[in-house]
Amino acid sequence: MSPDHPDRDPPATDAPPLQLAIVPVTPFQQNCSLLVCTRSGTAAAFDPGGDLDQIDDALRKLGVRLEKVFLTHGHIDHCGQAAEFAKRHGVPLEGPHIDDKFWIDQLPGQGHRFGFPPLAAFQPDRWLVDGDTVRFGQQTLRVIHTPGHTPGHVVFFHEGARLAIVGDVLFQGSIGRTDFPRGNHADLIDSITKKLWPLGSDVSFVPGHGPMSTFGEERRHNGFVADEVLGG
């Protein structure tokens, strides 16, 4: 499955059941992912951290209705305006894991520091834990707790589409930072190698920043977690 640009026409009736659009938002160019269930005409937004009008414009061009908001973790570029976006659409906000509550509680001060619009701390409608499932339309994704970049980071995996929304755990050619409060490098490596790699080398993933890749490509060429680098 390849991402569809938001400027394209709404999905046709014979389109595959799942469609992806990526909308880079905030000065950090964070990837807000829109997953569309073409069978129901509904969508989920993953990490709508800012530039909400831009995300809404993408939804309008896709011709779909937002049904859920999901968060991978509590950093400002991923979740800063997520609660406002969910409230704007009257939809539930789910995630991340509760261990990232301390990050979400800091949003007001971080917003001022980084020049965001005024931000408020929030409580999601549902904290997520490892093994949970989340749903929108006729789609189901598995929740995988992946600490390391932050303690409460989660990844969303769609088995049928062989697609993962991985936030800041893994990037094309790189991995997430662990020098933030409560980051842990060993935990991050374990999250990647013990929780993501077993999903399969054919899995495509959307990182929090930059281009998509596959787990197989990163196992071959990523200078931080390639099998050859880690002695796998």
C-alpha atoms as a PDB file:
ATOM      1  CA  MET A   1       0.000   0.000   0.000  1.00  0.00           C
ATOM      2  CA  SER A   2       1.354   3.434  -0.891  1.00  0.00           C
ATOM      3  CA  PRO A   3       0.288   6.766   0.600  1.00  0.00           C
ATOM      4  CA  ASP A   4      -2.233   8.900  -1.266  1.00  0.00           C
ATOM      5  CA  HIS A   5      -1.696  12.632  -1.470  1.00  0.00           C
ATOM      6  CA  PRO A   6      -4.548  14.585   0.166  1.00  0.00           C
ATOM      7  CA  ASP A   7      -5.093  16.522  -3.079  1.00  0.00           C
ATOM      8  CA  ARG A   8      -6.291  13.415  -4.878  1.00  0.00           C
ATOM      9  CA  ASP A   9      -9.966  12.654  -5.419  1.00  0.00           C
ATOM     10  CA  PRO A  10     -11.982  10.725  -2.803  1.00  0.00           C
ATOM     11  CA  PRO A  11     -11.592   6.943  -2.930  1.00  0.00           C
ATOM     12  CA  ALA A  12     -13.522   5.134  -5.654  1.00  0.00           C
ATOM     13  CA  THR A  13     -15.920   2.337  -4.789  1.00  0.00           C
ATOM     14  CA  ASP A  14     -13.430  -0.285  -5.992  1.00  0.00           C
ATOM     15  CA  ALA A  15     -10.570   1.167  -3.913  1.00  0.00           C
ATOM     16  CA  PRO A  16      -8.803  -1.042  -1.351  1.00  0.00           C
ATOM     17  CA  PRO A  17     -10.433  -1.031   2.091  1.00  0.00           C
ATOM     18  CA  LEU A  18      -7.720   1.157   3.636  1.00  0.00           C
ATOM     19  CA  GLN A  19      -6.188   4.369   2.318  1.00  0.00           C
ATOM     20  CA  LEU A  20      -3.341   6.423   3.783  1.00  0.00           C
ATOM     21  CA  ALA A  21      -2.590  10.129   3.572  1.00  0.00           C
ATOM     22  CA  ILE A  22       0.313  11.838   5.351  1.00  0.00           C
ATOM     23  CA  VAL A  23       0.077  15.496   6.366  1.00  0.00           C
ATOM     24  CA  PRO A  24       3.302  17.031   7.768  1.00  0.00           C
ATOM     25  CA  VAL A  25       2.378  19.487  10.535  1.00  0.00           C
ATOM     26  CA  THR A  26       3.958  21.936  12.992  1.00  0.00           C
ATOM     27  CA  PRO A  27       7.400  23.555  12.573  1.00  0.00           C
ATOM     28  CA  PHE A  28       8.832  20.099  13.362  1.00  0.00           C
ATOM     29  CA  GLN A  29       7.234  18.660  10.178  1.00  0.00           C
ATOM     30  CA  GLN A  30       5.672  15.827  12.137  1.00  0.00           C
ATOM     31  CA  ASN A  31       3.786  13.240  10.084  1.00  0.00           C
ATOM     32  CA  CYS A  32       0.087  13.298  10.921  1.00  0.00           C
ATOM     33  CA  SER A  33      -1.276  10.102   9.363  1.00  0.00           C
ATOM     34  CA  LEU A  34      -4.842   9.881   8.121  1.00  0.00           C
ATOM     35  CA  LEU A  35      -6.103   6.329   7.698  1.00  0.00           C
ATOM     36  CA  VAL A  36      -9.314   6.039   5.724  1.00  0.00           C
ATOM     37  CA  CYS A  37     -11.712   3.110   5.863  1.00  0.00           C
ATOM     38  CA  THR A  38     -13.017   3.281   2.304  1.00  0.00           C
ATOM     39  CA  ARG A  39     -15.851   0.886   3.146  1.00  0.00           C
ATOM     40  CA  SER A  40     -17.355   3.300   5.675  1.00  0.00           C
ATOM     41  CA  GLY A  41     -16.058   6.655   4.436  1.00  0.00           C
ATOM     42  CA  THR A  42     -14.580   7.388   7.849  1.00  0.00           C
ATOM     43  CA  ALA A  43     -11.056   8.233   8.937  1.00  0.00           C
ATOM     44  CA  ALA A  44      -8.755   8.202  11.939  1.00  0.00           C
ATOM     45  CA  ALA A  45      -6.082  10.828  12.561  1.00  0.00           C
ATOM     46  CA  PHE A  46      -2.831   9.713  14.183  1.00  0.00           C
ATOM     47  CA  ASP A  47      -0.819  12.414  15.968  1.00  0.00           C
ATOM     48  CA  PRO A  48      -2.598  15.586  14.781  1.00  0.00           C
ATOM     49  CA  GLY A  49      -0.215  17.778  16.742  1.00  0.00           C
ATOM     50  CA  GLY A  50      -0.925  21.101  15.023  1.00  0.00           C
ATOM     51  CA  ASP A  51      -1.889  22.918  11.814  1.00  0.00           C
ATOM     52  CA  LEU A  52      -5.433  21.660  12.316  1.00  0.00           C
ATOM     53  CA  ASP A  53      -6.911  23.573   9.385  1.00  0.00           C
ATOM     54  CA  GLN A  54      -4.407  21.862   7.109  1.00  0.00           C
ATOM     55  CA  ILE A  55      -5.495  18.440   8.414  1.00  0.00           C
ATOM     56  CA  ASP A  56      -9.153  19.390   7.979  1.00  0.00           C
ATOM     57  CA  ASP A  57      -8.440  20.441   4.412  1.00  0.00           C
ATOM     58  CA  ALA A  58      -6.914  17.011   3.741  1.00  0.00           C
ATOM     59  CA  LEU A  59     -10.000  15.309   5.195  1.00  0.00           C
ATOM     60  CA  ARG A  60     -12.287  17.402   2.982  1.00  0.00           C
ATOM     61  CA  LYS A  61     -10.273  16.575  -0.116  1.00  0.00           C
ATOM     62  CA  LEU A  62     -10.408  12.893   0.770  1.00  0.00           C
ATOM     63  CA  GLY A  63     -14.171  13.206   1.178  1.00  0.00           C
ATOM     64  CA  VAL A  64     -14.311  11.441   4.545  1.00  0.00           C
ATOM     65  CA  ARG A  65     -15.552  12.020   8.090  1.00  0.00           C
ATOM     66  CA  LEU A  66     -13.207  11.869  11.083  1.00  0.00           C
ATOM     67  CA  GLU A  67     -14.200   9.182  13.590  1.00  0.00           C
ATOM     68  CA  LYS A  68     -11.238   8.851  16.009  1.00  0.00           C
ATOM     69  CA  VAL A  69      -7.973  10.492  17.045  1.00  0.00           C
ATOM     70  CA  PHE A  70      -5.073   8.297  18.152  1.00  0.00           C
ATOM     71  CA  LEU A  71      -1.761   9.313  19.762  1.00  0.00           C
ATOM     72  CA  THR A  72       1.566   7.488  19.717  1.00  0.00           C
ATOM     73  CA  HIS A  73       3.154   9.547  22.505  1.00  0.00           C
ATOM     74  CA  GLY A  74       3.066  12.754  24.495  1.00  0.00           C
ATOM     75  CA  HIS A  75       5.566  15.030  22.749  1.00  0.00           C
ATOM     76  CA  ILE A  76       4.241  18.419  21.717  1.00  0.00           C
ATOM     77  CA  ASP A  77       4.595  18.025  17.940  1.00  0.00           C
ATOM     78  CA  HIS A  78       2.524  14.829  18.061  1.00  0.00           C
ATOM     79  CA  CYS A  79      -0.162  15.735  20.573  1.00  0.00           C
ATOM     80  CA  GLY A  80      -0.055  19.484  21.244  1.00  0.00           C
ATOM     81  CA  GLN A  81      -3.392  20.304  19.577  1.00  0.00           C
ATOM     82  CA  ALA A  82      -4.788  16.774  19.395  1.00  0.00           C
ATOM     83  CA  ALA A  83      -7.393  17.325  22.115  1.00  0.00           C
ATOM     84  CA  GLU A  84      -8.574  20.492  20.375  1.00  0.00           C
ATOM     85  CA  PHE A  85      -8.828  18.573  17.097  1.00  0.00           C
ATOM     86  CA  ALA A  86     -10.860  15.782  18.700  1.00  0.00           C
ATOM     87  CA  LYS A  87     -13.144  18.339  20.350  1.00  0.00           C
ATOM     88  CA  ARG A  88     -13.551  20.218  17.067  1.00  0.00           C
ATOM     89  CA  HIS A  89     -14.899  17.036  15.459  1.00  0.00           C
ATOM     90  CA  GLY A  90     -16.679  15.638  18.513  1.00  0.00           C
ATOM     91  CA  VAL A  91     -14.738  12.369  18.399  1.00  0.00           C
ATOM     92  CA  PRO A  92     -12.871  10.259  20.988  1.00  0.00           C
ATOM     93  CA  LEU A  93      -9.158  10.668  21.641  1.00  0.00           C
ATOM     94  CA  GLU A  94      -7.292   7.449  22.462  1.00  0.00           C
ATOM     95  CA  GLY A  95      -3.692   6.959  23.580  1.00  0.00           C
ATOM     96  CA  PRO A  96      -0.927   7.030  24.373  1.00  0.00           C
ATOM     97  CA  HIS A  97       0.035   4.800  27.339  1.00  0.00           C
ATOM     98  CA  ILE A  98      -0.483   6.485  30.717  1.00  0.00           C
ATOM     99  CA  ASP A  99       3.281   6.566  31.327  1.00  0.00           C
ATOM    100  CA  ASP A 100       3.363   9.603  29.012  1.00  0.00           C
ATOM    101  CA  LYS A 101       0.917  11.555  31.177  1.00  0.00           C
ATOM    102  CA  PHE A 102       3.792  13.603  32.605  1.00  0.00           C
ATOM    103  CA  TRP A 103       4.592  14.862  29.075  1.00  0.00           C
ATOM    104  CA  ILE A 104       0.979  15.817  28.360  1.00  0.00           C
ATOM    105  CA  ASP A 105       0.776  17.628  31.692  1.00  0.00           C
ATOM    106  CA  GLN A 106       3.685  19.846  30.552  1.00  0.00           C
ATOM    107  CA  LEU A 107       2.018  21.014  27.332  1.00  0.00           C
ATOM    108  CA  PRO A 108       1.108  24.542  28.518  1.00  0.00           C
ATOM    109  CA  GLY A 109       4.720  25.394  29.350  1.00  0.00           C
ATOM    110  CA  GLN A 110       6.125  23.641  26.301  1.00  0.00           C
ATOM    111  CA  GLY A 111       3.692  25.428  24.018  1.00  0.00           C
ATOM    112  CA  HIS A 112       4.942  28.784  25.253  1.00  0.00           C
ATOM    113  CA  ARG A 113       8.572  27.675  24.942  1.00  0.00           C
ATOM    114  CA  PHE A 114       8.259  26.462  21.357  1.00  0.00           C
ATOM    115  CA  GLY A 115       5.953  29.203  20.081  1.00  0.00           C
ATOM    116  CA  PHE A 116       2.835  27.054  19.680  1.00  0.00           C
ATOM    117  CA  PRO A 117      -0.655  28.490  20.149  1.00  0.00           C
ATOM    118  CA  PRO A 118      -1.808  28.323  23.796  1.00  0.00           C
ATOM    119  CA  LEU A 119      -2.013  24.667  24.802  1.00  0.00           C
ATOM    120  CA  ALA A 120      -3.768  22.899  27.642  1.00  0.00           C
ATOM    121  CA  ALA A 121      -3.033  19.600  29.308  1.00  0.00           C
ATOM    122  CA  PHE A 122      -5.692  16.997  28.657  1.00  0.00           C
ATOM    123  CA  GLN A 123      -6.902  13.537  29.590  1.00  0.00           C
ATOM    124  CA  PRO A 124      -7.540  11.187  26.650  1.00  0.00           C
ATOM    125  CA  ASP A 125     -10.803   9.304  26.531  1.00  0.00           C
ATOM    126  CA  ARG A 126      -8.773   6.110  26.795  1.00  0.00           C
ATOM    127  CA  TRP A 127      -5.232   5.349  27.849  1.00  0.00           C
ATOM    128  CA  LEU A 128      -3.832   2.403  25.880  1.00  0.00           C
ATOM    129  CA  VAL A 129      -1.814  -0.621  27.001  1.00  0.00           C
ATOM    130  CA  ASP A 130       0.097  -3.319  25.177  1.00  0.00           C
ATOM    131  CA  GLY A 131      -2.252  -5.754  23.452  1.00  0.00           C
ATOM    132  CA  ASP A 132      -5.210  -3.375  23.216  1.00  0.00           C
ATOM    133  CA  THR A 133      -7.031  -2.944  19.939  1.00  0.00           C
ATOM    134  CA  VAL A 134      -8.420   0.302  18.545  1.00  0.00           C
ATOM    135  CA  ARG A 135     -11.126   0.607  15.921  1.00  0.00           C
ATOM    136  CA  PHE A 136     -12.622   3.028  13.434  1.00  0.00           C
ATOM    137  CA  GLY A 137     -14.975   2.300  10.574  1.00  0.00           C
ATOM    138  CA  GLN A 138     -14.490  -1.379   9.763  1.00  0.00           C
ATOM    139  CA  GLN A 139     -10.780  -1.288  10.646  1.00  0.00           C
ATOM    140  CA  THR A 140      -8.960  -2.708  13.663  1.00  0.00           C
ATOM    141  CA  LEU A 141      -5.378  -1.970  14.714  1.00  0.00           C
ATOM    142  CA  ARG A 142      -3.305  -3.604  17.422  1.00  0.00           C
ATOM    143  CA  VAL A 143      -1.623  -1.467  20.088  1.00  0.00           C
ATOM    144  CA  ILE A 144       2.002  -2.259  20.908  1.00  0.00           C
ATOM    145  CA  HIS A 145       3.660  -0.545  23.892  1.00  0.00           C
ATOM    146  CA  THR A 146       7.118   0.551  22.711  1.00  0.00           C
ATOM    147  CA  PRO A 147       8.962   2.475  25.445  1.00  0.00           C
ATOM    148  CA  GLY A 148      12.364   4.040  24.918  1.00  0.00           C
ATOM    149  CA  HIS A 149      11.832   7.348  23.137  1.00  0.00           C
ATOM    150  CA  THR A 150       9.230   8.060  25.804  1.00  0.00           C
ATOM    151  CA  PRO A 151       8.030   5.623  28.473  1.00  0.00           C
ATOM    152  CA  GLY A 152       4.433   5.625  27.245  1.00  0.00           C
ATOM    153  CA  HIS A 153       5.026   5.410  23.495  1.00  0.00           C
ATOM    154  CA  VAL A 154       2.757   3.075  21.521  1.00  0.00           C
ATOM    155  CA  VAL A 155       2.743   1.794  17.939  1.00  0.00           C
ATOM    156  CA  PHE A 156      -0.409   1.029  15.942  1.00  0.00           C
ATOM    157  CA  PHE A 157      -0.328  -2.030  13.657  1.00  0.00           C
ATOM    158  CA  HIS A 158      -2.828  -2.943  10.940  1.00  0.00           C
ATOM    159  CA  GLU A 159      -2.338  -6.620  10.203  1.00  0.00           C
ATOM    160  CA  GLY A 160      -4.343  -6.743   6.962  1.00  0.00           C
ATOM    161  CA  ALA A 161      -2.592  -3.769   5.406  1.00  0.00           C
ATOM    162  CA  ARG A 162       0.822  -4.759   6.806  1.00  0.00           C
ATOM    163  CA  LEU A 163       1.172  -1.175   8.000  1.00  0.00           C
ATOM    164  CA  ALA A 164       2.482   0.303  11.257  1.00  0.00           C
ATOM    165  CA  ILE A 165       2.235   3.869  12.585  1.00  0.00           C
ATOM    166  CA  VAL A 166       5.422   3.986  14.660  1.00  0.00           C
ATOM    167  CA  GLY A 167       5.720   7.592  15.860  1.00  0.00           C
ATOM    168  CA  ASP A 168       9.288   8.387  16.911  1.00  0.00           C
ATOM    169  CA  VAL A 169      10.473   4.847  17.634  1.00  0.00           C
ATOM    170  CA  LEU A 170      11.986   4.185  14.207  1.00  0.00           C
ATOM    171  CA  PHE A 171      12.846   6.226  11.118  1.00  0.00           C
ATOM    172  CA  GLN A 172      14.243   5.531   7.696  1.00  0.00           C
ATOM    173  CA  GLY A 173      17.943   5.124   8.528  1.00  0.00           C
ATOM    174  CA  SER A 174      17.646   6.195  12.163  1.00  0.00           C
ATOM    175  CA  ILE A 175      15.915   5.652  15.507  1.00  0.00           C
ATOM    176  CA  GLY A 176      14.239   7.836  18.112  1.00  0.00           C
ATOM    177  CA  ARG A 177      16.127  10.047  20.523  1.00  0.00           C
ATOM    178  CA  THR A 178      16.478   8.819  24.092  1.00  0.00           C
ATOM    179  CA  ASP A 179      18.027  11.894  25.716  1.00  0.00           C
ATOM    180  CA  PHE A 180      14.679  13.319  26.819  1.00  0.00           C
ATOM    181  CA  PRO A 181      13.392  12.806  30.391  1.00  0.00           C
ATOM    182  CA  ARG A 182      12.634   9.124  31.027  1.00  0.00           C
ATOM    183  CA  GLY A 183      14.029   8.081  27.656  1.00  0.00           C
ATOM    184  CA  ASN A 184      15.975   4.819  27.653  1.00  0.00           C
ATOM    185  CA  HIS A 185      18.177   3.604  24.812  1.00  0.00           C
ATOM    186  CA  ALA A 186      18.170  -0.064  25.827  1.00  0.00           C
ATOM    187  CA  ASP A 187      14.371  -0.026  26.041  1.00  0.00           C
ATOM    188  CA  LEU A 188      14.156   1.555  22.594  1.00  0.00           C
ATOM    189  CA  ILE A 189      16.361  -1.096  21.008  1.00  0.00           C
ATOM    190  CA  ASP A 190      14.296  -3.810  22.705  1.00  0.00           C
ATOM    191  CA  SER A 191      11.076  -2.204  21.470  1.00  0.00           C
ATOM    192  CA  ILE A 192      12.349  -2.223  17.900  1.00  0.00           C
ATOM    193  CA  THR A 193      13.978  -5.639  17.808  1.00  0.00           C
ATOM    194  CA  LYS A 194      11.617  -7.585  20.091  1.00  0.00           C
ATOM    195  CA  LYS A 195       8.275  -5.948  19.278  1.00  0.00           C
ATOM    196  CA  LEU A 196       8.507  -4.506  15.760  1.00  0.00           C
ATOM    197  CA  TRP A 197      10.797  -6.911  13.889  1.00  0.00           C
ATOM    198  CA  PRO A 198       8.632  -9.964  14.742  1.00  0.00           C
ATOM    199  CA  LEU A 199       5.712  -8.327  12.890  1.00  0.00           C
ATOM    200  CA  GLY A 200       7.495  -9.131   9.622  1.00  0.00           C
ATOM    201  CA  SER A 201      10.039  -7.613   7.257  1.00  0.00           C
ATOM    202  CA  ASP A 202       7.277  -6.854   4.746  1.00  0.00           C
ATOM    203  CA  VAL A 203       5.587  -4.356   7.089  1.00  0.00           C
ATOM    204  CA  SER A 204       5.624  -0.763   5.834  1.00  0.00           C
ATOM    205  CA  PHE A 205       5.759   1.945   8.466  1.00  0.00           C
ATOM    206  CA  VAL A 206       4.991   5.624   8.786  1.00  0.00           C
ATOM    207  CA  PRO A 207       7.526   7.317  11.074  1.00  0.00           C
ATOM    208  CA  GLY A 208       6.871  10.478  13.022  1.00  0.00           C
ATOM    209  CA  HIS A 209       9.129  12.419  10.658  1.00  0.00           C
ATOM    210  CA  GLY A 210      10.477  11.800   7.183  1.00  0.00           C
ATOM    211  CA  PRO A 211       9.710   9.163   4.548  1.00  0.00           C
ATOM    212  CA  MET A 212       8.129   5.741   4.920  1.00  0.00           C
ATOM    213  CA  SER A 213      10.188   2.555   4.868  1.00  0.00           C
ATOM    214  CA  THR A 214       9.796  -1.138   5.692  1.00  0.00           C
ATOM    215  CA  PHE A 215      11.051  -3.133   8.657  1.00  0.00           C
ATOM    216  CA  GLY A 216      13.007  -5.329   6.254  1.00  0.00           C
ATOM    217  CA  GLU A 217      14.776  -2.341   4.750  1.00  0.00           C
ATOM    218  CA  GLU A 218      15.760  -1.079   8.194  1.00  0.00           C
ATOM    219  CA  ARG A 219      16.963  -4.520   9.272  1.00  0.00           C
ATOM    220  CA  ARG A 220      19.257  -4.485   6.246  1.00  0.00           C
ATOM    221  CA  HIS A 221      20.488  -0.904   6.174  1.00  0.00           C
ATOM    222  CA  ASN A 222      19.695   1.075   9.347  1.00  0.00           C
ATOM    223  CA  GLY A 223      23.013   1.992  10.961  1.00  0.00           C
ATOM    224  CA  PHE A 224      21.512   1.773  14.469  1.00  0.00           C
ATOM    225  CA  VAL A 225      19.412  -1.416  14.402  1.00  0.00           C
ATOM    226  CA  ALA A 226      20.363  -3.386  11.292  1.00  0.00           C
ATOM    227  CA  ASP A 227      20.859  -7.095  11.978  1.00  0.00           C
ATOM    228  CA  GLU A 228      24.515  -6.787  11.060  1.00  0.00           C
ATOM    229  CA  VAL A 229      25.019  -3.877  13.459  1.00  0.00           C
ATOM    230  CA  LEU A 230      23.380  -5.673  16.371  1.00  0.00           C
ATOM    231  CA  GLY A 231      24.889  -9.032  15.547  1.00  0.00           C
ATOM    232  CA  GLY A 232      21.521 -10.565  14.690  1.00  0.00           C
END
